Amino acid sequence: MAAFDPPYQTVGYATPAARPGSRLGATVWLGLFGLALVVLGGCFLIGVQFVVAPQGFTGTAIQAPPITPKLVVLLGVLYIAALLCFSGAAVLLVVSVKGLLRIVRQ
């Protein structure tokens, strides 16, 4: 394996420095993805609202369907999906704000 080693040595001060623009762009994108997850979680909760009280969407007095085991599973999946979206959004937004503050402090 020694035959494949480069014949030159790397110098510590000759390595390219990190560009601050790339870090700023990454933190901004993380923040936008966090906000997109908030919107997606809201869409899941709109699905829950549509199942529980459909009259708000149609404008007419429609009774909600009877609660069946399949409907309970659907509501559980929608609530879990919304919870996961909001949790992921919280993590992404905290990481994004920390990154932005780190860039501002430099």
PDB file of N, CA and C in Angstrom:
ATOM      1  N   MET A   1       0.804  -1.193   0.000  1.00  0.00           N
ATOM      2  CA  MET A   1       0.000   0.000   0.000  1.00  0.00           C
ATOM      3  C   MET A   1       0.847   1.257   0.000  1.00  0.00           C
ATOM      4  N   ALA A   2       2.107   1.135   0.371  1.00  0.00           N
ATOM      5  CA  ALA A   2       2.969   2.308   0.411  1.00  0.00           C
ATOM      6  C   ALA A   2       3.223   2.865  -0.982  1.00  0.00           C
ATOM      7  N   ALA A   3       3.028   2.067  -2.004  1.00  0.00           N
ATOM      8  CA  ALA A   3       3.256   2.536  -3.371  1.00  0.00           C
ATOM      9  C   ALA A   3       2.203   3.556  -3.795  1.00  0.00           C
ATOM     10  N   PHE A   4       1.061   3.538  -3.144  1.00  0.00           N
ATOM     11  CA  PHE A   4      -0.009   4.454  -3.530  1.00  0.00           C
ATOM     12  C   PHE A   4      -0.029   5.728  -2.707  1.00  0.00           C
ATOM     13  N   ASP A   5       0.835   5.856  -1.722  1.00  0.00           N
ATOM     14  CA  ASP A   5       0.897   7.075  -0.927  1.00  0.00           C
ATOM     15  C   ASP A   5       1.433   8.214  -1.783  1.00  0.00           C
ATOM     16  N   PRO A   6       0.889   9.420  -1.611  1.00  0.00           N
ATOM     17  CA  PRO A   6       1.388  10.540  -2.415  1.00  0.00           C
ATOM     18  C   PRO A   6       2.814  10.904  -1.991  1.00  0.00           C
ATOM     19  N   PRO A   7       3.612  11.365  -2.943  1.00  0.00           N
ATOM     20  CA  PRO A   7       4.997  11.698  -2.631  1.00  0.00           C
ATOM     21  C   PRO A   7       5.148  13.053  -1.940  1.00  0.00           C
ATOM     22  N   TYR A   8       4.081  13.727  -1.660  1.00  0.00           N
ATOM     23  CA  TYR A   8       4.160  15.051  -1.046  1.00  0.00           C
ATOM     24  C   TYR A   8       3.459  15.027   0.306  1.00  0.00           C
ATOM     25  N   GLN A   9       3.792  15.994   1.125  1.00  0.00           N
ATOM     26  CA  GLN A   9       3.190  16.137   2.440  1.00  0.00           C
ATOM     27  C   GLN A   9       2.185  17.291   2.401  1.00  0.00           C
ATOM     28  N   THR A  10       1.100  17.156   3.121  1.00  0.00           N
ATOM     29  CA  THR A  10       0.142  18.261   3.189  1.00  0.00           C
ATOM     30  C   THR A  10       0.603  19.257   4.248  1.00  0.00           C
ATOM     31  N   VAL A  11       0.310  20.511   3.990  1.00  0.00           N
ATOM     32  CA  VAL A  11       0.693  21.583   4.890  1.00  0.00           C
ATOM     33  C   VAL A  11      -0.582  22.098   5.547  1.00  0.00           C
ATOM     34  N   GLY A  12      -0.555  22.264   6.863  1.00  0.00           N
ATOM     35  CA  GLY A  12      -1.746  22.654   7.615  1.00  0.00           C
ATOM     36  C   GLY A  12      -2.318  23.991   7.192  1.00  0.00           C
ATOM     37  N   TYR A  13      -1.468  24.952   6.876  1.00  0.00           N
ATOM     38  CA  TYR A  13      -1.985  26.274   6.531  1.00  0.00           C
ATOM     39  C   TYR A  13      -2.416  26.356   5.074  1.00  0.00           C
ATOM     40  N   ALA A  14      -2.182  25.340   4.292  1.00  0.00           N
ATOM     41  CA  ALA A  14      -2.543  25.371   2.880  1.00  0.00           C
ATOM     42  C   ALA A  14      -3.900  24.718   2.613  1.00  0.00           C
ATOM     43  N   THR A  15      -4.593  24.287   3.635  1.00  0.00           N
ATOM     44  CA  THR A  15      -5.911  23.689   3.421  1.00  0.00           C
ATOM     45  C   THR A  15      -6.931  24.795   3.205  1.00  0.00           C
ATOM     46  N   PRO A  16      -7.899  24.563   2.360  1.00  0.00           N
ATOM     47  CA  PRO A  16      -8.889  25.620   2.096  1.00  0.00           C
ATOM     48  C   PRO A  16      -9.749  25.878   3.330  1.00  0.00           C
ATOM     49  N   ALA A  17      -9.992  27.136   3.581  1.00  0.00           N
ATOM     50  CA  ALA A  17     -10.816  27.529   4.726  1.00  0.00           C
ATOM     51  C   ALA A  17     -12.287  27.355   4.384  1.00  0.00           C
ATOM     52  N   ALA A  18     -13.100  27.102   5.391  1.00  0.00           N
ATOM     53  CA  ALA A  18     -14.539  26.974   5.181  1.00  0.00           C
ATOM     54  C   ALA A  18     -15.122  28.328   4.788  1.00  0.00           C
ATOM     55  N   ARG A  19     -15.961  28.302   3.799  1.00  0.00           N
ATOM     56  CA  ARG A  19     -16.595  29.541   3.357  1.00  0.00           C
ATOM     57  C   ARG A  19     -17.802  29.831   4.239  1.00  0.00           C
ATOM     58  N   PRO A  20     -17.923  31.050   4.753  1.00  0.00           N
ATOM     59  CA  PRO A  20     -19.063  31.349   5.617  1.00  0.00           C
ATOM     60  C   PRO A  20     -20.378  31.333   4.855  1.00  0.00           C
ATOM     61  N   GLY A  21     -20.356  31.568   3.574  1.00  0.00           N
ATOM     62  CA  GLY A  21     -21.587  31.545   2.791  1.00  0.00           C
ATOM     63  C   GLY A  21     -22.213  30.176   2.742  1.00  0.00           C
ATOM     64  N   SER A  22     -21.404  29.142   2.703  1.00  0.00           N
ATOM     65  CA  SER A  22     -21.965  27.795   2.647  1.00  0.00           C
ATOM     66  C   SER A  22     -22.613  27.424   3.982  1.00  0.00           C
ATOM     67  N   ARG A  23     -22.022  27.846   5.095  1.00  0.00           N
ATOM     68  CA  ARG A  23     -22.632  27.576   6.394  1.00  0.00           C
ATOM     69  C   ARG A  23     -23.925  28.353   6.552  1.00  0.00           C
ATOM     70  N   LEU A  24     -23.938  29.584   6.076  1.00  0.00           N
ATOM     71  CA  LEU A  24     -25.152  30.388   6.163  1.00  0.00           C
ATOM     72  C   LEU A  24     -26.258  29.759   5.325  1.00  0.00           C
ATOM     73  N   GLY A  25     -25.919  29.332   4.136  1.00  0.00           N
ATOM     74  CA  GLY A  25     -26.918  28.699   3.280  1.00  0.00           C
ATOM     75  C   GLY A  25     -27.469  27.425   3.889  1.00  0.00           C
ATOM     76  N   ALA A  26     -26.595  26.640   4.503  1.00  0.00           N
ATOM     77  CA  ALA A  26     -27.051  25.393   5.121  1.00  0.00           C
ATOM     78  C   ALA A  26     -27.993  25.665   6.287  1.00  0.00           C
ATOM     79  N   THR A  27     -27.677  26.654   7.109  1.00  0.00           N
ATOM     80  CA  THR A  27     -28.562  26.938   8.249  1.00  0.00           C
ATOM     81  C   THR A  27     -29.890  27.525   7.788  1.00  0.00           C
ATOM     82  N   VAL A  28     -29.859  28.325   6.738  1.00  0.00           N
ATOM     83  CA  VAL A  28     -31.117  28.874   6.209  1.00  0.00           C
ATOM     84  C   VAL A  28     -31.981  27.747   5.656  1.00  0.00           C
ATOM     85  N   TRP A  29     -31.369  26.820   4.931  1.00  0.00           N
ATOM     86  CA  TRP A  29     -32.135  25.686   4.391  1.00  0.00           C
ATOM     87  C   TRP A  29     -32.691  24.817   5.508  1.00  0.00           C
ATOM     88  N   LEU A  30     -31.936  24.608   6.576  1.00  0.00           N
ATOM     89  CA  LEU A  30     -32.456  23.842   7.711  1.00  0.00           C
ATOM     90  C   LEU A  30     -33.677  24.534   8.311  1.00  0.00           C
ATOM     91  N   GLY A  31     -33.612  25.846   8.428  1.00  0.00           N
ATOM     92  CA  GLY A  31     -34.761  26.590   8.943  1.00  0.00           C
ATOM     93  C   GLY A  31     -35.975  26.480   8.039  1.00  0.00           C
ATOM     94  N   LEU A  32     -35.755  26.545   6.734  1.00  0.00           N
ATOM     95  CA  LEU A  32     -36.871  26.419   5.795  1.00  0.00           C
ATOM     96  C   LEU A  32     -37.470  25.017   5.823  1.00  0.00           C
ATOM     97  N   PHE A  33     -36.625  24.007   5.947  1.00  0.00           N
ATOM     98  CA  PHE A  33     -37.140  22.639   6.056  1.00  0.00           C
ATOM     99  C   PHE A  33     -37.920  22.459   7.354  1.00  0.00           C
ATOM    100  N   GLY A  34     -37.481  23.120   8.420  1.00  0.00           N
ATOM    101  CA  GLY A  34     -38.222  23.070   9.676  1.00  0.00           C
ATOM    102  C   GLY A  34     -39.603  23.692   9.529  1.00  0.00           C
ATOM    103  N   LEU A  35     -39.679  24.824   8.846  1.00  0.00           N
ATOM    104  CA  LEU A  35     -40.975  25.456   8.617  1.00  0.00           C
ATOM    105  C   LEU A  35     -41.852  24.608   7.707  1.00  0.00           C
ATOM    106  N   ALA A  36     -41.244  23.933   6.738  1.00  0.00           N
ATOM    107  CA  ALA A  36     -42.012  23.039   5.863  1.00  0.00           C
ATOM    108  C   ALA A  36     -42.582  21.864   6.664  1.00  0.00           C
ATOM    109  N   LEU A  37     -41.834  21.372   7.641  1.00  0.00           N
ATOM    110  CA  LEU A  37     -42.361  20.301   8.490  1.00  0.00           C
ATOM    111  C   LEU A  37     -43.521  20.793   9.357  1.00  0.00           C
ATOM    112  N   VAL A  38     -43.488  22.040   9.776  1.00  0.00           N
ATOM    113  CA  VAL A  38     -44.619  22.603  10.517  1.00  0.00           C
ATOM    114  C   VAL A  38     -45.858  22.624   9.626  1.00  0.00           C
ATOM    115  N   VAL A  39     -45.698  23.024   8.383  1.00  0.00           N
ATOM    116  CA  VAL A  39     -46.825  23.050   7.446  1.00  0.00           C
ATOM    117  C   VAL A  39     -47.349  21.636   7.211  1.00  0.00           C
ATOM    118  N   LEU A  40     -46.454  20.678   7.036  1.00  0.00           N
ATOM    119  CA  LEU A  40     -46.877  19.295   6.815  1.00  0.00           C
ATOM    120  C   LEU A  40     -47.614  18.736   8.025  1.00  0.00           C
ATOM    121  N   GLY A  41     -47.131  19.027   9.221  1.00  0.00           N
ATOM    122  CA  GLY A  41     -47.840  18.605  10.426  1.00  0.00           C
ATOM    123  C   GLY A  41     -49.226  19.233  10.515  1.00  0.00           C
ATOM    124  N   GLY A  42     -49.336  20.477  10.089  1.00  0.00           N
ATOM    125  CA  GLY A  42     -50.650  21.128  10.051  1.00  0.00           C
ATOM    126  C   GLY A  42     -51.586  20.455   9.067  1.00  0.00           C
ATOM    127  N   CYS A  43     -51.047  19.981   7.962  1.00  0.00           N
ATOM    128  CA  CYS A  43     -51.875  19.255   6.986  1.00  0.00           C
ATOM    129  C   CYS A  43     -52.412  17.955   7.591  1.00  0.00           C
ATOM    130  N   PHE A  44     -51.583  17.264   8.364  1.00  0.00           N
ATOM    131  CA  PHE A  44     -52.061  16.054   9.033  1.00  0.00           C
ATOM    132  C   PHE A  44     -53.178  16.384  10.019  1.00  0.00           C
ATOM    133  N   LEU A  45     -53.047  17.494  10.738  1.00  0.00           N
ATOM    134  CA  LEU A  45     -54.095  17.876  11.683  1.00  0.00           C
ATOM    135  C   LEU A  45     -55.366  18.324  10.967  1.00  0.00           C
ATOM    136  N   ILE A  46     -55.232  18.884   9.771  1.00  0.00           N
ATOM    137  CA  ILE A  46     -56.420  19.203   8.976  1.00  0.00           C
ATOM    138  C   ILE A  46     -57.139  17.912   8.583  1.00  0.00           C
ATOM    139  N   GLY A  47     -56.369  16.856   8.295  1.00  0.00           N
ATOM    140  CA  GLY A  47     -56.978  15.557   8.019  1.00  0.00           C
ATOM    141  C   GLY A  47     -57.749  15.033   9.216  1.00  0.00           C
ATOM    142  N   VAL A  48     -57.205  15.218  10.416  1.00  0.00           N
ATOM    143  CA  VAL A  48     -57.921  14.818  11.630  1.00  0.00           C
ATOM    144  C   VAL A  48     -59.210  15.621  11.756  1.00  0.00           C
ATOM    145  N   GLN A  49     -59.122  16.916  11.524  1.00  0.00           N
ATOM    146  CA  GLN A  49     -60.308  17.774  11.620  1.00  0.00           C
ATOM    147  C   GLN A  49     -61.367  17.359  10.603  1.00  0.00           C
ATOM    148  N   PHE A  50     -60.937  16.958   9.415  1.00  0.00           N
ATOM    149  CA  PHE A  50     -61.886  16.548   8.385  1.00  0.00           C
ATOM    150  C   PHE A  50     -62.604  15.263   8.775  1.00  0.00           C
ATOM    151  N   VAL A  51     -61.901  14.363   9.440  1.00  0.00           N
ATOM    152  CA  VAL A  51     -62.527  13.106   9.866  1.00  0.00           C
ATOM    153  C   VAL A  51     -63.471  13.347  11.040  1.00  0.00           C
ATOM    154  N   VAL A  52     -63.073  14.175  11.980  1.00  0.00           N
ATOM    155  CA  VAL A  52     -63.859  14.371  13.203  1.00  0.00           C
ATOM    156  C   VAL A  52     -65.068  15.271  12.953  1.00  0.00           C
ATOM    157  N   ALA A  53     -64.885  16.364  12.223  1.00  0.00           N
ATOM    158  CA  ALA A  53     -65.970  17.326  11.990  1.00  0.00           C
ATOM    159  C   ALA A  53     -65.965  17.767  10.524  1.00  0.00           C
ATOM    160  N   PRO A  54     -66.555  16.977   9.628  1.00  0.00           N
ATOM    161  CA  PRO A  54     -66.505  17.319   8.202  1.00  0.00           C
ATOM    162  C   PRO A  54     -67.369  18.516   7.823  1.00  0.00           C
ATOM    163  N   GLN A  55     -68.296  18.946   8.683  1.00  0.00           N
ATOM    164  CA  GLN A  55     -69.165  20.059   8.310  1.00  0.00           C
ATOM    165  C   GLN A  55     -68.402  21.368   8.158  1.00  0.00           C
ATOM    166  N   GLY A  56     -67.248  21.495   8.760  1.00  0.00           N
ATOM    167  CA  GLY A  56     -66.457  22.716   8.612  1.00  0.00           C
ATOM    168  C   GLY A  56     -65.869  22.869   7.226  1.00  0.00           C
ATOM    169  N   PHE A  57     -65.738  21.782   6.495  1.00  0.00           N
ATOM    170  CA  PHE A  57     -65.137  21.837   5.164  1.00  0.00           C
ATOM    171  C   PHE A  57     -66.185  21.919   4.064  1.00  0.00           C
ATOM    172  N   THR A  58     -67.356  21.338   4.305  1.00  0.00           N
ATOM    173  CA  THR A  58     -68.382  21.327   3.266  1.00  0.00           C
ATOM    174  C   THR A  58     -69.340  22.487   3.390  1.00  0.00           C
ATOM    175  N   GLY A  59     -69.484  23.061   4.566  1.00  0.00           N
ATOM    176  CA  GLY A  59     -70.390  24.180   4.770  1.00  0.00           C
ATOM    177  C   GLY A  59     -71.813  23.746   5.033  1.00  0.00           C
ATOM    178  N   THR A  60     -72.082  22.474   4.962  1.00  0.00           N
ATOM    179  CA  THR A  60     -73.418  21.973   5.252  1.00  0.00           C
ATOM    180  C   THR A  60     -73.375  21.147   6.531  1.00  0.00           C
ATOM    181  N   ALA A  61     -74.546  20.886   7.065  1.00  0.00           N
ATOM    182  CA  ALA A  61     -74.635  20.139   8.320  1.00  0.00           C
ATOM    183  C   ALA A  61     -74.527  18.642   8.035  1.00  0.00           C
ATOM    184  N   ILE A  62     -73.314  18.140   7.977  1.00  0.00           N
ATOM    185  CA  ILE A  62     -73.064  16.719   7.769  1.00  0.00           C
ATOM    186  C   ILE A  62     -72.630  16.136   9.101  1.00  0.00           C
ATOM    187  N   GLN A  63     -73.217  15.017   9.446  1.00  0.00           N
ATOM    188  CA  GLN A  63     -72.812  14.385  10.683  1.00  0.00           C
ATOM    189  C   GLN A  63     -71.517  13.622  10.464  1.00  0.00           C
ATOM    190  N   ALA A  64     -70.716  13.589  11.496  1.00  0.00           N
ATOM    191  CA  ALA A  64     -69.458  12.847  11.425  1.00  0.00           C
ATOM    192  C   ALA A  64     -69.759  11.358  11.328  1.00  0.00           C
ATOM    193  N   PRO A  65     -68.927  10.615  10.627  1.00  0.00           N
ATOM    194  CA  PRO A  65     -69.161   9.173  10.531  1.00  0.00           C
ATOM    195  C   PRO A  65     -68.984   8.512  11.892  1.00  0.00           C
ATOM    196  N   PRO A  66     -69.616   7.351  12.082  1.00  0.00           N
ATOM    197  CA  PRO A  66     -69.435   6.662  13.364  1.00  0.00           C
ATOM    198  C   PRO A  66     -67.981   6.224  13.535  1.00  0.00           C
ATOM    199  N   ILE A  67     -67.538   6.240  14.774  1.00  0.00           N
ATOM    200  CA  ILE A  67     -66.154   5.884  15.077  1.00  0.00           C
ATOM    201  C   ILE A  67     -66.010   4.361  15.016  1.00  0.00           C
ATOM    202  N   THR A  68     -65.246   3.895  14.057  1.00  0.00           N
ATOM    203  CA  THR A  68     -64.972   2.468  13.898  1.00  0.00           C
ATOM    204  C   THR A  68     -63.514   2.215  14.261  1.00  0.00           C
ATOM    205  N   PRO A  69     -63.135   0.967  14.449  1.00  0.00           N
ATOM    206  CA  PRO A  69     -61.724   0.692  14.749  1.00  0.00           C
ATOM    207  C   PRO A  69     -60.778   1.169  13.636  1.00  0.00           C
ATOM    208  N   LYS A  70     -61.206   1.075  12.389  1.00  0.00           N
ATOM    209  CA  LYS A  70     -60.361   1.566  11.290  1.00  0.00           C
ATOM    210  C   LYS A  70     -60.177   3.079  11.384  1.00  0.00           C
ATOM    211  N   LEU A  71     -61.233   3.778  11.773  1.00  0.00           N
ATOM    212  CA  LEU A  71     -61.149   5.230  11.916  1.00  0.00           C
ATOM    213  C   LEU A  71     -60.259   5.621  13.085  1.00  0.00           C
ATOM    214  N   VAL A  72     -60.294   4.847  14.139  1.00  0.00           N
ATOM    215  CA  VAL A  72     -59.418   5.107  15.293  1.00  0.00           C
ATOM    216  C   VAL A  72     -57.958   4.924  14.886  1.00  0.00           C
ATOM    217  N   VAL A  73     -57.670   3.889  14.092  1.00  0.00           N
ATOM    218  CA  VAL A  73     -56.299   3.676  13.608  1.00  0.00           C
ATOM    219  C   VAL A  73     -55.865   4.834  12.713  1.00  0.00           C
ATOM    220  N   LEU A  74     -56.763   5.269  11.828  1.00  0.00           N
ATOM    221  CA  LEU A  74     -56.438   6.402  10.950  1.00  0.00           C
ATOM    222  C   LEU A  74     -56.142   7.659  11.760  1.00  0.00           C
ATOM    223  N   LEU A  75     -56.968   7.932  12.758  1.00  0.00           N
ATOM    224  CA  LEU A  75     -56.734   9.112  13.595  1.00  0.00           C
ATOM    225  C   LEU A  75     -55.417   8.989  14.360  1.00  0.00           C
ATOM    226  N   GLY A  76     -55.134   7.800  14.852  1.00  0.00           N
ATOM    227  CA  GLY A  76     -53.864   7.593  15.558  1.00  0.00           C
ATOM    228  C   GLY A  76     -52.665   7.812  14.658  1.00  0.00           C
ATOM    229  N   VAL A  77     -52.751   7.298  13.425  1.00  0.00           N
ATOM    230  CA  VAL A  77     -51.646   7.484  12.475  1.00  0.00           C
ATOM    231  C   VAL A  77     -51.480   8.961  12.130  1.00  0.00           C
ATOM    232  N   LEU A  78     -52.595   9.664  11.930  1.00  0.00           N
ATOM    233  CA  LEU A  78     -52.508  11.098  11.615  1.00  0.00           C
ATOM    234  C   LEU A  78     -51.916  11.894  12.776  1.00  0.00           C
ATOM    235  N   TYR A  79     -52.329  11.569  14.002  1.00  0.00           N
ATOM    236  CA  TYR A  79     -51.775  12.267  15.160  1.00  0.00           C
ATOM    237  C   TYR A  79     -50.281  11.971  15.341  1.00  0.00           C
ATOM    238  N   ILE A  80     -49.896  10.721  15.138  1.00  0.00           N
ATOM    239  CA  ILE A  80     -48.476  10.371  15.270  1.00  0.00           C
ATOM    240  C   ILE A  80     -47.649  11.052  14.193  1.00  0.00           C
ATOM    241  N   ALA A  81     -48.173  11.089  12.958  1.00  0.00           N
ATOM    242  CA  ALA A  81     -47.452  11.760  11.874  1.00  0.00           C
ATOM    243  C   ALA A  81     -47.302  13.254  12.166  1.00  0.00           C
ATOM    244  N   ALA A  82     -48.357  13.873  12.689  1.00  0.00           N
ATOM    245  CA  ALA A  82     -48.272  15.295  13.036  1.00  0.00           C
ATOM    246  C   ALA A  82     -47.268  15.513  14.160  1.00  0.00           C
ATOM    247  N   LEU A  83     -47.277  14.636  15.157  1.00  0.00           N
ATOM    248  CA  LEU A  83     -46.325  14.759  16.267  1.00  0.00           C
ATOM    249  C   LEU A  83     -44.889  14.617  15.780  1.00  0.00           C
ATOM    250  N   LEU A  84     -44.649  13.653  14.895  1.00  0.00           N
ATOM    251  CA  LEU A  84     -43.299  13.478  14.355  1.00  0.00           C
ATOM    252  C   LEU A  84     -42.865  14.693  13.531  1.00  0.00           C
ATOM    253  N   CYS A  85     -43.786  15.241  12.751  1.00  0.00           N
ATOM    254  CA  CYS A  85     -43.449  16.436  11.969  1.00  0.00           C
ATOM    255  C   CYS A  85     -43.115  17.617  12.872  1.00  0.00           C
ATOM    256  N   PHE A  86     -43.926  17.837  13.897  1.00  0.00           N
ATOM    257  CA  PHE A  86     -43.662  18.961  14.795  1.00  0.00           C
ATOM    258  C   PHE A  86     -42.381  18.752  15.597  1.00  0.00           C
ATOM    259  N   SER A  87     -42.102  17.518  15.989  1.00  0.00           N
ATOM    260  CA  SER A  87     -40.855  17.239  16.718  1.00  0.00           C
ATOM    261  C   SER A  87     -39.642  17.465  15.827  1.00  0.00           C
ATOM    262  N   GLY A  88     -39.706  16.964  14.600  1.00  0.00           N
ATOM    263  CA  GLY A  88     -38.609  17.187  13.664  1.00  0.00           C
ATOM    264  C   GLY A  88     -38.422  18.652  13.345  1.00  0.00           C
ATOM    265  N   ALA A  89     -39.528  19.375  13.224  1.00  0.00           N
ATOM    266  CA  ALA A  89     -39.443  20.811  12.956  1.00  0.00           C
ATOM    267  C   ALA A  89     -38.789  21.539  14.116  1.00  0.00           C
ATOM    268  N   ALA A  90     -39.121  21.142  15.338  1.00  0.00           N
ATOM    269  CA  ALA A  90     -38.516  21.791  16.502  1.00  0.00           C
ATOM    270  C   ALA A  90     -37.012  21.558  16.514  1.00  0.00           C
ATOM    271  N   VAL A  91     -36.600  20.334  16.223  1.00  0.00           N
ATOM    272  CA  VAL A  91     -35.157  20.040  16.199  1.00  0.00           C
ATOM    273  C   VAL A  91     -34.467  20.847  15.107  1.00  0.00           C
ATOM    274  N   LEU A  92     -35.040  20.852  13.905  1.00  0.00           N
ATOM    275  CA  LEU A  92     -34.415  21.590  12.802  1.00  0.00           C
ATOM    276  C   LEU A  92     -34.357  23.085  13.077  1.00  0.00           C
ATOM    277  N   LEU A  93     -35.408  23.637  13.665  1.00  0.00           N
ATOM    278  CA  LEU A  93     -35.403  25.075  13.935  1.00  0.00           C
ATOM    279  C   LEU A  93     -34.402  25.437  15.027  1.00  0.00           C
ATOM    280  N   VAL A  94     -34.265  24.583  16.039  1.00  0.00           N
ATOM    281  CA  VAL A  94     -33.269  24.859  17.087  1.00  0.00           C
ATOM    282  C   VAL A  94     -31.862  24.785  16.508  1.00  0.00           C
ATOM    283  N   VAL A  95     -31.590  23.772  15.704  1.00  0.00           N
ATOM    284  CA  VAL A  95     -30.262  23.648  15.082  1.00  0.00           C
ATOM    285  C   VAL A  95     -29.993  24.831  14.156  1.00  0.00           C
ATOM    286  N   SER A  96     -31.010  25.244  13.420  1.00  0.00           N
ATOM    287  CA  SER A  96     -30.839  26.373  12.501  1.00  0.00           C
ATOM    288  C   SER A  96     -30.560  27.673  13.248  1.00  0.00           C
ATOM    289  N   VAL A  97     -31.298  27.924  14.312  1.00  0.00           N
ATOM    290  CA  VAL A  97     -31.085  29.164  15.069  1.00  0.00           C
ATOM    291  C   VAL A  97     -29.710  29.150  15.739  1.00  0.00           C
ATOM    292  N   LYS A  98     -29.311  27.997  16.274  1.00  0.00           N
ATOM    293  CA  LYS A  98     -27.962  27.908  16.860  1.00  0.00           C
ATOM    294  C   LYS A  98     -26.893  28.174  15.810  1.00  0.00           C
ATOM    295  N   GLY A  99     -27.069  27.626  14.616  1.00  0.00           N
ATOM    296  CA  GLY A  99     -26.108  27.867  13.552  1.00  0.00           C
ATOM    297  C   GLY A  99     -26.057  29.321  13.130  1.00  0.00           C
ATOM    298  N   LEU A 100     -27.213  29.952  13.039  1.00  0.00           N
ATOM    299  CA  LEU A 100     -27.238  31.370  12.675  1.00  0.00           C
ATOM    300  C   LEU A 100     -26.579  32.225  13.753  1.00  0.00           C
ATOM    301  N   LEU A 101     -26.836  31.900  15.005  1.00  0.00           N
ATOM    302  CA  LEU A 101     -26.200  32.666  16.073  1.00  0.00           C
ATOM    303  C   LEU A 101     -24.688  32.459  16.089  1.00  0.00           C
ATOM    304  N   ARG A 102     -24.248  31.260  15.772  1.00  0.00           N
ATOM    305  CA  ARG A 102     -22.800  30.996  15.709  1.00  0.00           C
ATOM    306  C   ARG A 102     -22.162  31.807  14.576  1.00  0.00           C
ATOM    307  N   ILE A 103     -22.861  31.921  13.455  1.00  0.00           N
ATOM    308  CA  ILE A 103     -22.322  32.703  12.339  1.00  0.00           C
ATOM    309  C   ILE A 103     -22.294  34.184  12.696  1.00  0.00           C
ATOM    310  N   VAL A 104     -23.317  34.675  13.371  1.00  0.00           N
ATOM    311  CA  VAL A 104     -23.376  36.099  13.727  1.00  0.00           C
ATOM    312  C   VAL A 104     -22.280  36.449  14.731  1.00  0.00           C
ATOM    313  N   ARG A 105     -21.947  35.544  15.638  1.00  0.00           N
ATOM    314  CA  ARG A 105     -20.930  35.805  16.655  1.00  0.00           C
ATOM    315  C   ARG A 105     -19.516  35.851  16.092  1.00  0.00           C
ATOM    316  N   GLN A 106     -19.309  35.284  14.927  1.00  0.00           N
ATOM    317  CA  GLN A 106     -17.936  35.268  14.368  1.00  0.00           C
ATOM    318  C   GLN A 106     -17.532  36.617  13.860  1.00  0.00           C
TER     319      GLN A 106
END
